[in-house]
């Protein structure tokens, strides 16, 4: 799986659907806010999550992911996160988890993805 952005989005997000990621305010500071995952991270919001991750892929410095609020996550969302972690590592770029909910830990462990996602380094 490659996280390179497509020239056109696969589909536009539907209105009223809870976003997979929280919008981070843009400031003049070079340090960006962490990517905060919402309570529901599922295939339905996969395009939005992929877009947010692609935007962070080439960011210099450490990228921070915050999964503290995640209550439900599916395999598709975990696969996107795993591809992002892999691509950041291959680029020699730093990544850290600010916090990871028990739901994310449990799902990743069940699928054998906890090491792949570097969750052993994450704060709970």
Protein backbone atom coordinates (compact mmCIF):
# COMPACT_ATOMS: atom_id res chain seq x y z
CA UNK A 1 0.00 0.00 0.00
CA UNK A 2 1.34 3.37 -0.95
CA UNK A 3 0.17 6.59 0.67
CA UNK A 4 1.07 8.83 -2.23
CA UNK A 5 -1.87 11.14 -2.92
CA UNK A 6 -3.91 10.65 -6.06
CA UNK A 7 -4.39 13.50 -8.49
CA UNK A 8 -8.14 13.45 -7.76
CA UNK A 9 -9.77 12.31 -4.55
CA UNK A 10 -11.63 9.01 -4.80
CA UNK A 11 -14.78 10.57 -3.36
CA UNK A 12 -15.79 13.63 -1.47
CA UNK A 13 -16.67 13.30 2.21
CA UNK A 14 -20.36 13.24 3.01
CA UNK A 15 -21.79 16.01 5.12
CA UNK A 16 -22.88 15.12 8.59
CA UNK A 17 -20.46 12.20 8.88
CA UNK A 18 -18.10 12.33 11.81
CA UNK A 19 -14.59 13.03 10.57
CA UNK A 20 -11.85 10.46 11.08
CA UNK A 21 -9.42 13.16 12.11
CA UNK A 22 -9.79 16.49 13.85
CA UNK A 23 -8.92 19.55 11.86
CA UNK A 24 -5.81 21.16 13.25
CA UNK A 25 -5.70 24.94 13.25
CA UNK A 26 -3.08 26.42 10.97
CA UNK A 27 -0.61 28.76 12.52
CA UNK A 28 2.59 30.47 11.54
CA UNK A 29 4.64 28.18 13.76
CA UNK A 30 6.71 25.50 12.05
CA UNK A 31 5.71 23.07 14.77
CA UNK A 32 2.41 21.53 13.81
CA UNK A 33 -0.25 20.22 16.11
CA UNK A 34 -0.59 16.45 16.36
CA UNK A 35 -2.95 14.55 14.11
CA UNK A 36 -5.81 13.71 16.46
CA UNK A 37 -7.85 10.67 15.50
CA UNK A 38 -11.57 10.78 16.26
CA UNK A 39 -13.57 8.22 18.18
CA UNK A 40 -14.64 6.34 15.03
CA UNK A 41 -11.83 5.35 12.63
CA UNK A 42 -13.37 3.14 9.98
CA UNK A 43 -13.35 2.40 6.28
CA UNK A 44 -16.15 4.94 5.81
CA UNK A 45 -13.71 7.73 6.64
CA UNK A 46 -10.65 6.09 5.09
CA UNK A 47 -10.25 8.64 2.30
CA UNK A 48 -10.17 11.50 4.80
CA UNK A 49 -7.69 9.70 7.05
CA UNK A 50 -5.47 8.88 4.08
CA UNK A 51 -5.55 12.51 2.94
CA UNK A 52 -4.56 13.74 6.41
CA UNK A 53 -1.73 11.21 6.63
CA UNK A 54 -0.48 12.06 3.12
CA UNK A 55 -0.30 15.71 4.11
CA UNK A 56 2.01 14.76 6.98
CA UNK A 57 4.11 12.24 5.09
CA UNK A 58 6.81 14.67 3.94
CA UNK A 59 6.66 16.93 7.00
CA UNK A 60 10.06 17.63 8.47
CA UNK A 61 10.64 16.94 12.11
CA UNK A 62 8.63 14.64 14.30
CA UNK A 63 5.03 13.87 13.38
CA UNK A 64 2.81 13.20 16.38
CA UNK A 65 -0.28 11.00 16.26
CA UNK A 66 -2.86 11.15 19.04
CA UNK A 67 -5.23 8.18 19.25
CA UNK A 68 -6.42 8.73 22.81
CA UNK A 69 -10.05 9.36 21.80
CA UNK A 70 -10.42 6.35 19.51
CA UNK A 71 -13.21 4.06 20.70
CA UNK A 72 -13.60 2.01 17.51
CA UNK A 73 -11.05 1.29 14.79
CA UNK A 74 -11.22 -1.20 11.94
CA UNK A 75 -8.63 -3.06 9.92
CA UNK A 76 -8.70 -0.54 7.07
CA UNK A 77 -7.78 2.36 9.38
CA UNK A 78 -5.04 0.30 11.03
CA UNK A 79 -3.65 -0.55 7.59
CA UNK A 80 -3.52 3.14 6.64
CA UNK A 81 -1.74 3.95 9.89
CA UNK A 82 0.70 1.06 9.37
CA UNK A 83 1.52 2.24 5.84
CA UNK A 84 2.09 5.75 7.18
CA UNK A 85 4.41 4.51 9.94
CA UNK A 86 6.32 2.38 7.41
CA UNK A 87 6.67 5.24 4.91
CA UNK A 88 7.89 7.65 7.61
CA UNK A 89 10.48 5.10 8.75
CA UNK A 90 11.66 4.43 5.18
CA UNK A 91 12.11 8.17 4.70
CA UNK A 92 14.14 8.35 7.92
CA UNK A 93 11.55 10.67 9.44
CA UNK A 94 10.51 10.66 13.08
CA UNK A 95 7.07 9.66 14.33
CA UNK A 96 5.68 9.48 17.83
CA UNK A 97 2.39 8.52 19.41
CA UNK A 98 1.14 11.02 21.98
CA UNK A 99 -1.45 8.63 23.38
CA UNK A 100 -3.14 5.45 22.27
CA UNK A 101 -6.52 4.26 23.49
CA UNK A 102 -7.14 0.73 24.74
CA UNK A 103 -9.31 0.13 21.64
CA UNK A 104 -6.37 0.82 19.32
CA UNK A 105 -3.99 -1.29 21.40
CA UNK A 106 -6.48 -4.15 21.48
CA UNK A 107 -7.25 -4.09 17.73
CA UNK A 108 -3.58 -3.80 16.78
CA UNK A 109 -2.61 -6.64 19.12
CA UNK A 110 -5.43 -8.83 17.78
CA UNK A 111 -4.19 -8.30 14.21
CA UNK A 112 -0.51 -8.60 15.14
CA UNK A 113 0.15 -4.99 14.12
CA UNK A 114 1.26 -3.46 17.43
CA UNK A 115 4.97 -3.70 16.59
CA UNK A 116 4.38 -2.59 13.01
CA UNK A 117 2.61 0.53 14.30
CA UNK A 118 5.34 1.13 16.90
CA UNK A 119 2.70 1.12 19.63
CA UNK A 120 5.18 -0.36 22.09
CA UNK A 121 6.81 3.08 22.08
CA UNK A 122 3.51 4.89 22.65
CA UNK A 123 2.18 6.44 25.82
CA UNK A 124 -1.19 5.01 26.84
